[in-house]
Amino acid sequence: MQQKKMTLKGLAEILGVHTSTVGRVMDPETRHMVGEEVAQRVLREAARHGYRPNKMAAALRTRRSNIVGVMLPDITNPVFPPILLGIEDELRKHGYVALVTNAGEDPEQQRFVVDQLLARQVDALILATATRDDPVIGHCLEAGVALVTVNRSEDRGRVSSVVNDEYAGMRLAVEHLLALGHSRIVHLVGPQTLSTGHLRREGYELALAAHGVARADMWLFDCSAYTREAGRAGCLAALERYPQATAILAGNDLLALGCYDALRERGLRCPEDVSVVGHNDMPFVDMVNPPLTTIRIGHHAMGVQAAQLVLRRLKEEKDEQGGGQVEIRLKPELVVRNSTTVPRKA
């Protein structure tokens, strides 16, 4: 015979306390309202009877599901798992869980995914999919859901974001190459629809301009996507256009790995013939040959900050306080490995 499922009321009767006391203890956000001794007794008894709170009933009562939707553009990109881990680690501390979706880069598909998440009563959204002019963000704002972007931002400043300081990262990369003696540096530019591609391009230009390089003398080549194959194609074309290049500053690590493919294809050595710098310090780039010099971004910390920001927005809504939009920029770090060296002799 199947054992009857333990209820909140039944657990309260066994313990000899009010049902509201049990309810407060079972919610991590209200547990502090109950004395430590009583709380531990409730938790022990709940575990002994296999009691679990009815989240659906609680959501109907409080209008909160304690679920945050997280929308990723490409879960196979090694940059995003550390961000996601940071989000989940922080949400869990506050009694929330993440509902993660891989939405791709197509706005219509992203809109569909947002609607599905909202239909499942998520309390808030964290978007890693933002573009500089993003109709999906407008759709989310019209729905009135708490919203934060991570890793990317939009140009209009309608939502809070947690991003990398792209100008600082590109300045570190450019100055590293200049210090080695490079003056013929190609920047493989990431997609300009994304804040990362746009701001890294601007950062490259500002860093060289600060060292007296005229805009007309800067070498840039646009890549169609942040992928290894786009990096290979872009590098091959850039070497045709700028055969004197001694260094390539790639818009991200995947583009940099594509450069490795292109250099091998052309019979060139890295770094003896061409130095390569990436951006992100994604997992395992220290294990390629040669290990990649890159700009390290704290992706786990980025995820933690995004979760903290969205929880703050939820608290502001609960307290009926109108908070302004903020942009948190994380400080990048140059990681020097074996893919950069002094330039080859002319």
C-alpha atoms as a PDB file:
ATOM      1  CA  MET A   1       0.000   0.000   0.000  1.00  0.00           C
ATOM      2  CA  GLN A   2       1.400   3.364  -1.028  1.00  0.00           C
ATOM      3  CA  GLN A   3       2.237   5.675   1.868  1.00  0.00           C
ATOM      4  CA  LYS A   4       0.195   8.885   1.967  1.00  0.00           C
ATOM      5  CA  LYS A   5       2.180  11.968   1.011  1.00  0.00           C
ATOM      6  CA  MET A   6       3.062  14.206   3.967  1.00  0.00           C
ATOM      7  CA  THR A   7       1.445  17.656   3.902  1.00  0.00           C
ATOM      8  CA  LEU A   8       2.376  20.981   5.463  1.00  0.00           C
ATOM      9  CA  LYS A   9      -0.579  20.714   7.850  1.00  0.00           C
ATOM     10  CA  GLY A  10       0.286  17.118   8.795  1.00  0.00           C
ATOM     11  CA  LEU A  11       3.896  18.032   9.512  1.00  0.00           C
ATOM     12  CA  ALA A  12       2.778  20.992  11.663  1.00  0.00           C
ATOM     13  CA  GLU A  13       0.478  18.682  13.706  1.00  0.00           C
ATOM     14  CA  ILE A  14       3.302  16.194  14.324  1.00  0.00           C
ATOM     15  CA  LEU A  15       5.597  18.987  15.495  1.00  0.00           C
ATOM     16  CA  GLY A  16       2.942  20.804  17.495  1.00  0.00           C
ATOM     17  CA  VAL A  17       3.555  24.134  15.727  1.00  0.00           C
ATOM     18  CA  HIS A  18       1.493  26.386  13.487  1.00  0.00           C
ATOM     19  CA  THR A  19       1.458  25.659   9.755  1.00  0.00           C
ATOM     20  CA  SER A  20       2.879  29.135   9.071  1.00  0.00           C
ATOM     21  CA  THR A  21       5.956  28.224  11.139  1.00  0.00           C
ATOM     22  CA  VAL A  22       6.619  25.184   8.973  1.00  0.00           C
ATOM     23  CA  GLY A  23       6.013  27.266   5.855  1.00  0.00           C
ATOM     24  CA  ARG A  24       8.562  29.872   6.934  1.00  0.00           C
ATOM     25  CA  VAL A  25      11.194  27.250   7.733  1.00  0.00           C
ATOM     26  CA  MET A  26      10.776  25.501   4.381  1.00  0.00           C
ATOM     27  CA  ASP A  27      11.359  28.793   2.526  1.00  0.00           C
ATOM     28  CA  PRO A  28      15.071  29.778   2.661  1.00  0.00           C
ATOM     29  CA  GLU A  29      14.125  33.451   2.356  1.00  0.00           C
ATOM     30  CA  THR A  30      11.925  33.413   5.498  1.00  0.00           C
ATOM     31  CA  ARG A  31      13.721  30.762   7.573  1.00  0.00           C
ATOM     32  CA  HIS A  32      15.539  33.466   9.556  1.00  0.00           C
ATOM     33  CA  MET A  33      12.167  34.522  11.009  1.00  0.00           C
ATOM     34  CA  VAL A  34      12.027  31.301  13.054  1.00  0.00           C
ATOM     35  CA  GLY A  35      14.289  30.446  15.984  1.00  0.00           C
ATOM     36  CA  GLU A  36      17.276  28.234  15.120  1.00  0.00           C
ATOM     37  CA  GLU A  37      16.237  25.370  17.413  1.00  0.00           C
ATOM     38  CA  VAL A  38      12.682  25.238  16.055  1.00  0.00           C
ATOM     39  CA  ALA A  39      13.920  25.544  12.475  1.00  0.00           C
ATOM     40  CA  GLN A  40      16.319  22.606  12.860  1.00  0.00           C
ATOM     41  CA  ARG A  41      13.552  20.499  14.444  1.00  0.00           C
ATOM     42  CA  VAL A  42      11.225  21.268  11.529  1.00  0.00           C
ATOM     43  CA  LEU A  43      13.918  20.442   8.945  1.00  0.00           C
ATOM     44  CA  ARG A  44      14.778  17.126  10.656  1.00  0.00           C
ATOM     45  CA  GLU A  45      11.141  16.063  10.827  1.00  0.00           C
ATOM     46  CA  ALA A  46      10.518  17.136   7.226  1.00  0.00           C
ATOM     47  CA  ALA A  47      13.479  15.030   6.062  1.00  0.00           C
ATOM     48  CA  ARG A  48      12.306  12.039   8.139  1.00  0.00           C
ATOM     49  CA  HIS A  49       8.850  12.118   6.544  1.00  0.00           C
ATOM     50  CA  GLY A  50      10.105  12.997   3.048  1.00  0.00           C
ATOM     51  CA  TYR A  51       8.147  16.248   3.045  1.00  0.00           C
ATOM     52  CA  ARG A  52       8.714  18.617   0.129  1.00  0.00           C
ATOM     53  CA  PRO A  53       6.958  21.983  -0.261  1.00  0.00           C
ATOM     54  CA  ASN A  54       4.311  22.202  -2.987  1.00  0.00           C
ATOM     55  CA  LYS A  55       5.996  24.769  -5.216  1.00  0.00           C
ATOM     56  CA  MET A  56       2.997  25.146  -7.539  1.00  0.00           C
ATOM     57  CA  ALA A  57       0.665  25.935  -4.645  1.00  0.00           C
ATOM     58  CA  ALA A  58       3.210  28.343  -3.198  1.00  0.00           C
ATOM     59  CA  ALA A  59       3.578  30.070  -6.560  1.00  0.00           C
ATOM     60  CA  LEU A  60      -0.185  30.576  -6.804  1.00  0.00           C
ATOM     61  CA  ARG A  61      -0.273  31.944  -3.253  1.00  0.00           C
ATOM     62  CA  THR A  62       2.763  34.240  -3.468  1.00  0.00           C
ATOM     63  CA  ARG A  63       2.817  34.869  -7.230  1.00  0.00           C
ATOM     64  CA  ARG A  64       6.460  33.794  -7.134  1.00  0.00           C
ATOM     65  CA  SER A  65       7.853  30.574  -8.631  1.00  0.00           C
ATOM     66  CA  ASN A  66      11.467  31.120  -7.451  1.00  0.00           C
ATOM     67  CA  ILE A  67      12.544  30.244 -10.993  1.00  0.00           C
ATOM     68  CA  VAL A  68      14.697  32.505 -13.170  1.00  0.00           C
ATOM     69  CA  GLY A  69      14.772  31.863 -16.905  1.00  0.00           C
ATOM     70  CA  VAL A  70      18.247  31.956 -18.471  1.00  0.00           C
ATOM     71  CA  MET A  71      18.485  32.268 -22.252  1.00  0.00           C
ATOM     72  CA  LEU A  72      21.754  31.335 -23.974  1.00  0.00           C
ATOM     73  CA  PRO A  73      22.618  31.905 -27.660  1.00  0.00           C
ATOM     74  CA  ASP A  74      24.878  28.853 -28.074  1.00  0.00           C
ATOM     75  CA  ILE A  75      25.346  26.339 -25.273  1.00  0.00           C
ATOM     76  CA  THR A  76      28.200  24.684 -27.208  1.00  0.00           C
ATOM     77  CA  ASN A  77      30.308  27.865 -26.905  1.00  0.00           C
ATOM     78  CA  PRO A  78      32.678  27.202 -23.960  1.00  0.00           C
ATOM     79  CA  VAL A  79      32.239  30.785 -22.719  1.00  0.00           C
ATOM     80  CA  PHE A  80      28.684  30.237 -21.510  1.00  0.00           C
ATOM     81  CA  PRO A  81      28.878  27.234 -19.106  1.00  0.00           C
ATOM     82  CA  PRO A  82      31.002  29.162 -16.531  1.00  0.00           C
ATOM     83  CA  ILE A  83      28.530  32.070 -16.717  1.00  0.00           C
ATOM     84  CA  LEU A  84      25.651  29.656 -16.191  1.00  0.00           C
ATOM     85  CA  LEU A  85      27.429  27.985 -13.274  1.00  0.00           C
ATOM     86  CA  GLY A  86      27.883  31.385 -11.593  1.00  0.00           C
ATOM     87  CA  ILE A  87      24.194  32.195 -12.087  1.00  0.00           C
ATOM     88  CA  GLU A  88      23.064  28.859 -10.665  1.00  0.00           C
ATOM     89  CA  ASP A  89      25.467  28.992  -7.704  1.00  0.00           C
ATOM     90  CA  GLU A  90      24.171  32.400  -6.638  1.00  0.00           C
ATOM     91  CA  LEU A  91      20.480  31.733  -7.274  1.00  0.00           C
ATOM     92  CA  ARG A  92      20.644  28.538  -5.218  1.00  0.00           C
ATOM     93  CA  LYS A  93      21.896  30.453  -2.183  1.00  0.00           C
ATOM     94  CA  HIS A  94      18.658  32.441  -2.230  1.00  0.00           C
ATOM     95  CA  GLY A  95      16.266  29.565  -2.854  1.00  0.00           C
ATOM     96  CA  TYR A  96      15.964  30.080  -6.616  1.00  0.00           C
ATOM     97  CA  VAL A  97      16.736  27.755  -9.517  1.00  0.00           C
ATOM     98  CA  ALA A  98      17.530  28.495 -13.155  1.00  0.00           C
ATOM     99  CA  LEU A  99      15.466  27.254 -16.084  1.00  0.00           C
ATOM    100  CA  VAL A 100      18.019  27.235 -18.915  1.00  0.00           C
ATOM    101  CA  THR A 101      17.246  27.369 -22.633  1.00  0.00           C
ATOM    102  CA  ASN A 102      19.444  27.378 -25.723  1.00  0.00           C
ATOM    103  CA  ALA A 103      17.642  29.929 -27.889  1.00  0.00           C
ATOM    104  CA  GLY A 104      20.107  30.487 -30.750  1.00  0.00           C
ATOM    105  CA  GLU A 105      20.622  33.855 -32.428  1.00  0.00           C
ATOM    106  CA  ASP A 106      17.326  34.139 -34.341  1.00  0.00           C
ATOM    107  CA  PRO A 107      15.038  36.825 -32.806  1.00  0.00           C
ATOM    108  CA  GLU A 108      11.818  35.001 -33.684  1.00  0.00           C
ATOM    109  CA  GLN A 109      13.058  31.830 -32.033  1.00  0.00           C
ATOM    110  CA  GLN A 110      14.180  33.834 -29.009  1.00  0.00           C
ATOM    111  CA  ARG A 111      10.768  35.492 -28.743  1.00  0.00           C
ATOM    112  CA  PHE A 112       9.118  32.055 -28.802  1.00  0.00           C
ATOM    113  CA  VAL A 113      11.445  30.851 -26.025  1.00  0.00           C
ATOM    114  CA  VAL A 114      10.731  33.961 -23.915  1.00  0.00           C
ATOM    115  CA  ASP A 115       6.984  33.363 -24.238  1.00  0.00           C
ATOM    116  CA  GLN A 116       7.421  29.734 -23.191  1.00  0.00           C
ATOM    117  CA  LEU A 117       9.458  30.788 -20.145  1.00  0.00           C
ATOM    118  CA  LEU A 118       6.885  33.403 -19.150  1.00  0.00           C
ATOM    119  CA  ALA A 119       4.094  30.839 -19.557  1.00  0.00           C
ATOM    120  CA  ARG A 120       5.936  28.740 -16.962  1.00  0.00           C
ATOM    121  CA  GLN A 121       5.752  31.715 -14.581  1.00  0.00           C
ATOM    122  CA  VAL A 122       9.463  32.468 -14.257  1.00  0.00           C
ATOM    123  CA  ASP A 123      10.019  35.380 -11.893  1.00  0.00           C
ATOM    124  CA  ALA A 124      12.738  36.994 -13.994  1.00  0.00           C
ATOM    125  CA  LEU A 125      14.954  36.552 -17.048  1.00  0.00           C
ATOM    126  CA  ILE A 126      18.714  36.669 -17.569  1.00  0.00           C
ATOM    127  CA  LEU A 127      19.576  37.027 -21.260  1.00  0.00           C
ATOM    128  CA  ALA A 128      22.984  36.161 -22.695  1.00  0.00           C
ATOM    129  CA  THR A 129      21.491  36.658 -26.168  1.00  0.00           C
ATOM    130  CA  ALA A 130      21.309  40.468 -26.318  1.00  0.00           C
ATOM    131  CA  THR A 131      22.132  42.324 -29.515  1.00  0.00           C
ATOM    132  CA  ARG A 132      22.851  46.058 -29.730  1.00  0.00           C
ATOM    133  CA  ASP A 133      19.362  46.744 -31.129  1.00  0.00           C
ATOM    134  CA  ASP A 134      17.328  43.907 -29.670  1.00  0.00           C
ATOM    135  CA  PRO A 135      13.577  43.531 -30.370  1.00  0.00           C
ATOM    136  CA  VAL A 136      13.381  40.632 -27.904  1.00  0.00           C
ATOM    137  CA  ILE A 137      14.355  42.937 -25.025  1.00  0.00           C
ATOM    138  CA  GLY A 138      11.486  45.228 -26.030  1.00  0.00           C
ATOM    139  CA  HIS A 139       9.155  42.212 -25.990  1.00  0.00           C
ATOM    140  CA  CYS A 140      10.337  41.302 -22.462  1.00  0.00           C
ATOM    141  CA  LEU A 141       9.872  44.866 -21.209  1.00  0.00           C
ATOM    142  CA  GLU A 142       6.341  44.967 -22.605  1.00  0.00           C
ATOM    143  CA  ALA A 143       5.624  41.777 -20.651  1.00  0.00           C
ATOM    144  CA  GLY A 144       6.790  43.521 -17.466  1.00  0.00           C
ATOM    145  CA  VAL A 145       9.254  40.828 -16.398  1.00  0.00           C
ATOM    146  CA  ALA A 146      12.377  41.625 -14.341  1.00  0.00           C
ATOM    147  CA  LEU A 147      15.277  41.459 -16.778  1.00  0.00           C
ATOM    148  CA  VAL A 148      19.093  41.546 -16.825  1.00  0.00           C
ATOM    149  CA  THR A 149      21.567  40.899 -19.656  1.00  0.00           C
ATOM    150  CA  VAL A 150      24.894  39.160 -19.169  1.00  0.00           C
ATOM    151  CA  ASN A 151      28.095  39.164 -21.269  1.00  0.00           C
ATOM    152  CA  ARG A 152      26.401  41.377 -23.870  1.00  0.00           C
ATOM    153  CA  SER A 153      24.456  44.637 -23.620  1.00  0.00           C
ATOM    154  CA  GLU A 154      22.180  46.717 -25.826  1.00  0.00           C
ATOM    155  CA  ASP A 155      22.855  50.253 -26.996  1.00  0.00           C
ATOM    156  CA  ARG A 156      19.692  51.873 -25.609  1.00  0.00           C
ATOM    157  CA  GLY A 157      20.389  51.180 -21.940  1.00  0.00           C
ATOM    158  CA  ARG A 158      16.864  49.971 -21.192  1.00  0.00           C
ATOM    159  CA  VAL A 159      18.006  47.093 -18.961  1.00  0.00           C
ATOM    160  CA  SER A 160      20.746  46.471 -16.426  1.00  0.00           C
ATOM    161  CA  SER A 161      23.709  44.388 -17.545  1.00  0.00           C
ATOM    162  CA  VAL A 162      26.875  42.648 -16.365  1.00  0.00           C
ATOM    163  CA  VAL A 163      29.627  42.797 -18.977  1.00  0.00           C
ATOM    164  CA  ASN A 164      33.370  42.823 -19.452  1.00  0.00           C
ATOM    165  CA  ASP A 165      35.248  46.129 -19.750  1.00  0.00           C
ATOM    166  CA  GLU A 166      35.947  45.653 -23.465  1.00  0.00           C
ATOM    167  CA  TYR A 167      38.019  48.818 -23.886  1.00  0.00           C
ATOM    168  CA  ALA A 168      40.317  47.803 -21.035  1.00  0.00           C
ATOM    169  CA  GLY A 169      40.708  44.276 -22.435  1.00  0.00           C
ATOM    170  CA  MET A 170      41.666  45.461 -25.899  1.00  0.00           C
ATOM    171  CA  ARG A 171      44.049  48.037 -24.445  1.00  0.00           C
ATOM    172  CA  LEU A 172      45.855  45.248 -22.556  1.00  0.00           C
ATOM    173  CA  ALA A 173      46.108  43.132 -25.716  1.00  0.00           C
ATOM    174  CA  VAL A 174      47.293  45.965 -27.975  1.00  0.00           C
ATOM    175  CA  GLU A 175      49.864  47.222 -25.473  1.00  0.00           C
ATOM    176  CA  HIS A 176      51.209  43.677 -25.003  1.00  0.00           C
ATOM    177  CA  LEU A 177      51.839  43.371 -28.747  1.00  0.00           C
ATOM    178  CA  LEU A 178      53.305  46.869 -29.008  1.00  0.00           C
ATOM    179  CA  ALA A 179      55.659  46.111 -26.097  1.00  0.00           C
ATOM    180  CA  LEU A 180      56.918  43.051 -27.972  1.00  0.00           C
ATOM    181  CA  GLY A 181      57.724  45.294 -30.934  1.00  0.00           C
ATOM    182  CA  HIS A 182      54.746  44.620 -33.218  1.00  0.00           C
ATOM    183  CA  SER A 183      53.459  47.491 -35.334  1.00  0.00           C
ATOM    184  CA  ARG A 184      51.631  45.533 -38.065  1.00  0.00           C
ATOM    185  CA  ILE A 185      48.687  44.185 -36.069  1.00  0.00           C
ATOM    186  CA  VAL A 186      45.496  42.910 -37.697  1.00  0.00           C
ATOM    187  CA  HIS A 187      42.286  42.889 -35.666  1.00  0.00           C
ATOM    188  CA  LEU A 188      39.862  40.113 -36.652  1.00  0.00           C
ATOM    189  CA  VAL A 189      36.625  41.880 -35.806  1.00  0.00           C
ATOM    190  CA  GLY A 190      33.659  40.091 -34.240  1.00  0.00           C
ATOM    191  CA  PRO A 191      30.032  40.645 -35.368  1.00  0.00           C
ATOM    192  CA  GLN A 192      29.110  44.323 -35.131  1.00  0.00           C
ATOM    193  CA  THR A 193      25.512  43.534 -34.174  1.00  0.00           C
ATOM    194  CA  LEU A 194      26.869  42.419 -30.780  1.00  0.00           C
ATOM    195  CA  SER A 195      28.221  44.775 -28.118  1.00  0.00           C
ATOM    196  CA  THR A 196      31.292  42.563 -27.686  1.00  0.00           C
ATOM    197  CA  GLY A 197      32.282  42.841 -31.353  1.00  0.00           C
ATOM    198  CA  HIS A 198      31.521  46.550 -31.574  1.00  0.00           C
ATOM    199  CA  LEU A 199      33.244  47.605 -28.348  1.00  0.00           C
ATOM    200  CA  ARG A 200      36.320  45.426 -28.918  1.00  0.00           C
ATOM    201  CA  ARG A 201      36.761  47.036 -32.322  1.00  0.00           C
ATOM    202  CA  GLU A 202      36.475  50.481 -30.746  1.00  0.00           C
ATOM    203  CA  GLY A 203      38.886  49.411 -28.004  1.00  0.00           C
ATOM    204  CA  TYR A 204      41.466  48.322 -30.590  1.00  0.00           C
ATOM    205  CA  GLU A 205      41.158  51.641 -32.420  1.00  0.00           C
ATOM    206  CA  LEU A 206      41.383  53.717 -29.228  1.00  0.00           C
ATOM    207  CA  ALA A 207      44.403  51.769 -27.963  1.00  0.00           C
ATOM    208  CA  LEU A 208      46.344  52.260 -31.214  1.00  0.00           C
ATOM    209  CA  ALA A 209      45.277  55.910 -31.487  1.00  0.00           C
ATOM    210  CA  ALA A 210      46.676  56.495 -27.997  1.00  0.00           C
ATOM    211  CA  HIS A 211      50.051  55.390 -29.402  1.00  0.00           C
ATOM    212  CA  GLY A 212      49.855  57.759 -32.355  1.00  0.00           C
ATOM    213  CA  VAL A 213      48.577  55.348 -35.026  1.00  0.00           C
ATOM    214  CA  ALA A 214      46.281  57.035 -37.562  1.00  0.00           C
ATOM    215  CA  ARG A 215      42.885  55.443 -38.210  1.00  0.00           C
ATOM    216  CA  ALA A 216      43.793  54.917 -41.879  1.00  0.00           C
ATOM    217  CA  ASP A 217      46.818  52.862 -40.837  1.00  0.00           C
ATOM    218  CA  MET A 218      44.849  50.414 -38.682  1.00  0.00           C
ATOM    219  CA  TRP A 219      44.329  46.941 -40.109  1.00  0.00           C
ATOM    220  CA  LEU A 220      40.898  45.408 -39.541  1.00  0.00           C
ATOM    221  CA  PHE A 221      39.038  42.476 -41.061  1.00  0.00           C
ATOM    222  CA  ASP A 222      35.394  41.657 -40.288  1.00  0.00           C
ATOM    223  CA  CYS A 223      34.393  38.096 -39.412  1.00  0.00           C
ATOM    224  CA  SER A 224      30.874  36.808 -39.987  1.00  0.00           C
ATOM    225  CA  ALA A 225      30.505  35.055 -36.616  1.00  0.00           C
ATOM    226  CA  TYR A 226      32.310  34.138 -33.409  1.00  0.00           C
ATOM    227  CA  THR A 227      33.283  30.675 -34.642  1.00  0.00           C
ATOM    228  CA  ARG A 228      36.473  28.775 -35.391  1.00  0.00           C
ATOM    229  CA  GLU A 229      35.517  28.422 -39.058  1.00  0.00           C
ATOM    230  CA  ALA A 230      34.843  32.172 -39.359  1.00  0.00           C
ATOM    231  CA  GLY A 231      38.246  32.773 -37.768  1.00  0.00           C
ATOM    232  CA  ARG A 232      39.952  30.507 -40.283  1.00  0.00           C
ATOM    233  CA  ALA A 233      38.246  32.167 -43.255  1.00  0.00           C
ATOM    234  CA  GLY A 234      38.849  35.650 -41.843  1.00  0.00           C
ATOM    235  CA  CYS A 235      42.503  34.970 -41.127  1.00  0.00           C
ATOM    236  CA  LEU A 236      43.169  33.593 -44.606  1.00  0.00           C
ATOM    237  CA  ALA A 237      41.541  36.640 -46.189  1.00  0.00           C
ATOM    238  CA  ALA A 238      43.317  39.041 -43.808  1.00  0.00           C
ATOM    239  CA  LEU A 239      46.713  37.547 -44.653  1.00  0.00           C
ATOM    240  CA  GLU A 240      45.949  38.091 -48.329  1.00  0.00           C
ATOM    241  CA  ARG A 241      45.072  41.724 -47.657  1.00  0.00           C
ATOM    242  CA  TYR A 242      47.864  42.364 -45.139  1.00  0.00           C
ATOM    243  CA  PRO A 243      50.730  39.987 -45.984  1.00  0.00           C
ATOM    244  CA  GLN A 244      53.158  42.012 -43.846  1.00  0.00           C
ATOM    245  CA  ALA A 245      51.156  41.336 -40.662  1.00  0.00           C
ATOM    246  CA  THR A 246      53.211  39.999 -37.758  1.00  0.00           C
ATOM    247  CA  ALA A 247      50.376  39.751 -35.202  1.00  0.00           C
ATOM    248  CA  ILE A 248      46.662  39.000 -35.196  1.00  0.00           C
ATOM    249  CA  LEU A 249      44.382  40.212 -32.430  1.00  0.00           C
ATOM    250  CA  ALA A 250      41.272  38.022 -32.637  1.00  0.00           C
ATOM    251  CA  GLY A 251      37.842  39.156 -31.447  1.00  0.00           C
ATOM    252  CA  ASN A 252      37.503  36.031 -29.303  1.00  0.00           C
ATOM    253  CA  ASP A 253      39.237  32.715 -28.610  1.00  0.00           C
ATOM    254  CA  LEU A 254      37.248  30.762 -31.193  1.00  0.00           C
ATOM    255  CA  LEU A 255      38.384  33.186 -33.904  1.00  0.00           C
ATOM    256  CA  ALA A 256      41.926  32.785 -32.585  1.00  0.00           C
ATOM    257  CA  LEU A 257      41.710  28.984 -32.907  1.00  0.00           C
ATOM    258  CA  GLY A 258      40.561  29.511 -36.498  1.00  0.00           C
ATOM    259  CA  CYS A 259      43.714  31.583 -37.009  1.00  0.00           C
ATOM    260  CA  TYR A 260      45.771  28.576 -35.915  1.00  0.00           C
ATOM    261  CA  ASP A 261      44.063  26.537 -38.653  1.00  0.00           C
ATOM    262  CA  ALA A 262      44.700  29.225 -41.274  1.00  0.00           C
ATOM    263  CA  LEU A 263      48.349  29.699 -40.345  1.00  0.00           C
ATOM    264  CA  ARG A 264      49.002  25.951 -40.602  1.00  0.00           C
ATOM    265  CA  GLU A 265      47.243  25.943 -43.963  1.00  0.00           C
ATOM    266  CA  ARG A 266      49.517  28.747 -45.186  1.00  0.00           C
ATOM    267  CA  GLY A 267      52.650  27.033 -43.840  1.00  0.00           C
ATOM    268  CA  LEU A 268      53.198  29.768 -41.253  1.00  0.00           C
ATOM    269  CA  ARG A 269      54.267  29.216 -37.641  1.00  0.00           C
ATOM    270  CA  CYS A 270      52.710  30.712 -34.542  1.00  0.00           C
ATOM    271  CA  PRO A 271      54.273  32.670 -32.942  1.00  0.00           C
ATOM    272  CA  GLU A 272      57.541  32.698 -34.944  1.00  0.00           C
ATOM    273  CA  ASP A 273      55.886  34.069 -38.100  1.00  0.00           C
ATOM    274  CA  VAL A 274      52.626  35.484 -36.708  1.00  0.00           C
ATOM    275  CA  SER A 275      51.690  36.068 -33.073  1.00  0.00           C
ATOM    276  CA  VAL A 276      48.050  35.476 -32.090  1.00  0.00           C
ATOM    277  CA  VAL A 277      46.042  36.924 -29.190  1.00  0.00           C
ATOM    278  CA  GLY A 278      42.544  35.741 -28.257  1.00  0.00           C
ATOM    279  CA  HIS A 279      39.852  37.114 -25.993  1.00  0.00           C
ATOM    280  CA  ASN A 280      37.880  35.352 -23.187  1.00  0.00           C
ATOM    281  CA  ASP A 281      40.335  32.731 -21.880  1.00  0.00           C
ATOM    282  CA  MET A 282      37.749  30.034 -22.449  1.00  0.00           C
ATOM    283  CA  PRO A 283      38.418  26.541 -21.046  1.00  0.00           C
ATOM    284  CA  PHE A 284      41.302  24.542 -22.565  1.00  0.00           C
ATOM    285  CA  VAL A 285      42.978  27.337 -24.585  1.00  0.00           C
ATOM    286  CA  ASP A 286      45.983  26.773 -22.323  1.00  0.00           C
ATOM    287  CA  MET A 287      46.203  23.232 -23.749  1.00  0.00           C
ATOM    288  CA  VAL A 288      46.306  24.020 -27.486  1.00  0.00           C
ATOM    289  CA  ASN A 289      49.628  24.254 -29.348  1.00  0.00           C
ATOM    290  CA  PRO A 290      50.913  26.834 -28.739  1.00  0.00           C
ATOM    291  CA  PRO A 291      49.002  27.777 -25.553  1.00  0.00           C
ATOM    292  CA  LEU A 292      46.991  30.892 -26.372  1.00  0.00           C
ATOM    293  CA  THR A 293      47.800  34.359 -25.084  1.00  0.00           C
ATOM    294  CA  THR A 294      44.408  35.897 -24.349  1.00  0.00           C
ATOM    295  CA  ILE A 295      42.332  38.321 -22.297  1.00  0.00           C
ATOM    296  CA  ARG A 296      40.821  36.593 -19.283  1.00  0.00           C
ATOM    297  CA  ILE A 297      37.250  37.468 -18.411  1.00  0.00           C
ATOM    298  CA  GLY A 298      35.793  36.296 -15.086  1.00  0.00           C
ATOM    299  CA  HIS A 299      32.810  34.490 -16.548  1.00  0.00           C
ATOM    300  CA  HIS A 300      31.816  32.732 -13.313  1.00  0.00           C
ATOM    301  CA  ALA A 301      31.917  36.080 -11.478  1.00  0.00           C
ATOM    302  CA  MET A 302      29.905  37.569 -14.329  1.00  0.00           C
ATOM    303  CA  GLY A 303      27.189  34.954 -13.769  1.00  0.00           C
ATOM    304  CA  VAL A 304      27.205  35.547  -9.997  1.00  0.00           C
ATOM    305  CA  GLN A 305      26.815  39.309 -10.500  1.00  0.00           C
ATOM    306  CA  ALA A 306      23.998  38.824 -13.022  1.00  0.00           C
ATOM    307  CA  ALA A 307      22.106  36.639 -10.539  1.00  0.00           C
ATOM    308  CA  GLN A 308      22.648  39.189  -7.760  1.00  0.00           C
ATOM    309  CA  LEU A 309      21.427  41.956 -10.042  1.00  0.00           C
ATOM    310  CA  VAL A 310      18.240  40.156 -11.044  1.00  0.00           C
ATOM    311  CA  LEU A 311      17.496  39.222  -7.412  1.00  0.00           C
ATOM    312  CA  ARG A 312      17.933  42.882  -6.505  1.00  0.00           C
ATOM    313  CA  ARG A 313      15.424  43.815  -9.210  1.00  0.00           C
ATOM    314  CA  LEU A 314      12.940  41.306  -7.796  1.00  0.00           C
ATOM    315  CA  LYS A 315      13.381  42.778  -4.320  1.00  0.00           C
ATOM    316  CA  GLU A 316      12.844  46.289  -5.692  1.00  0.00           C
ATOM    317  CA  GLU A 317       9.596  45.105  -7.287  1.00  0.00           C
ATOM    318  CA  LYS A 318       8.489  43.474  -4.018  1.00  0.00           C
ATOM    319  CA  ASP A 319       9.287  46.619  -2.026  1.00  0.00           C
ATOM    320  CA  GLU A 320       7.770  48.786  -4.795  1.00  0.00           C
ATOM    321  CA  GLN A 321      11.008  50.694  -5.201  1.00  0.00           C
ATOM    322  CA  GLY A 322      11.968  51.913  -8.657  1.00  0.00           C
ATOM    323  CA  GLY A 323      15.651  51.183  -9.225  1.00  0.00           C
ATOM    324  CA  GLY A 324      17.531  52.689 -12.144  1.00  0.00           C
ATOM    325  CA  GLN A 325      19.391  50.682 -14.759  1.00  0.00           C
ATOM    326  CA  VAL A 326      23.015  49.842 -13.983  1.00  0.00           C
ATOM    327  CA  GLU A 327      25.912  48.436 -15.990  1.00  0.00           C
ATOM    328  CA  ILE A 328      28.482  46.405 -14.085  1.00  0.00           C
ATOM    329  CA  ARG A 329      31.812  46.135 -15.923  1.00  0.00           C
ATOM    330  CA  LEU A 330      34.245  43.468 -14.788  1.00  0.00           C
ATOM    331  CA  LYS A 331      37.972  44.096 -14.967  1.00  0.00           C
ATOM    332  CA  PRO A 332      39.774  41.879 -17.531  1.00  0.00           C
ATOM    333  CA  GLU A 333      43.270  40.419 -17.200  1.00  0.00           C
ATOM    334  CA  LEU A 334      46.016  39.712 -19.751  1.00  0.00           C
ATOM    335  CA  VAL A 335      47.203  36.086 -19.701  1.00  0.00           C
ATOM    336  CA  VAL A 336      50.495  35.719 -21.577  1.00  0.00           C
ATOM    337  CA  ARG A 337      51.257  32.259 -22.968  1.00  0.00           C
ATOM    338  CA  ASN A 338      53.287  30.975 -25.917  1.00  0.00           C
ATOM    339  CA  SER A 339      51.298  32.280 -28.901  1.00  0.00           C
ATOM    340  CA  THR A 340      52.980  35.704 -28.801  1.00  0.00           C
ATOM    341  CA  THR A 341      56.622  36.668 -29.212  1.00  0.00           C
ATOM    342  CA  VAL A 342      58.749  39.396 -30.802  1.00  0.00           C
ATOM    343  CA  PRO A 343      57.989  40.025 -34.497  1.00  0.00           C
ATOM    344  CA  ARG A 344      59.855  38.234 -37.230  1.00  0.00           C
ATOM    345  CA  LYS A 345      62.500  40.196 -39.081  1.00  0.00           C
ATOM    346  CA  ALA A 346      61.289  41.880 -42.256  1.00  0.00           C
END
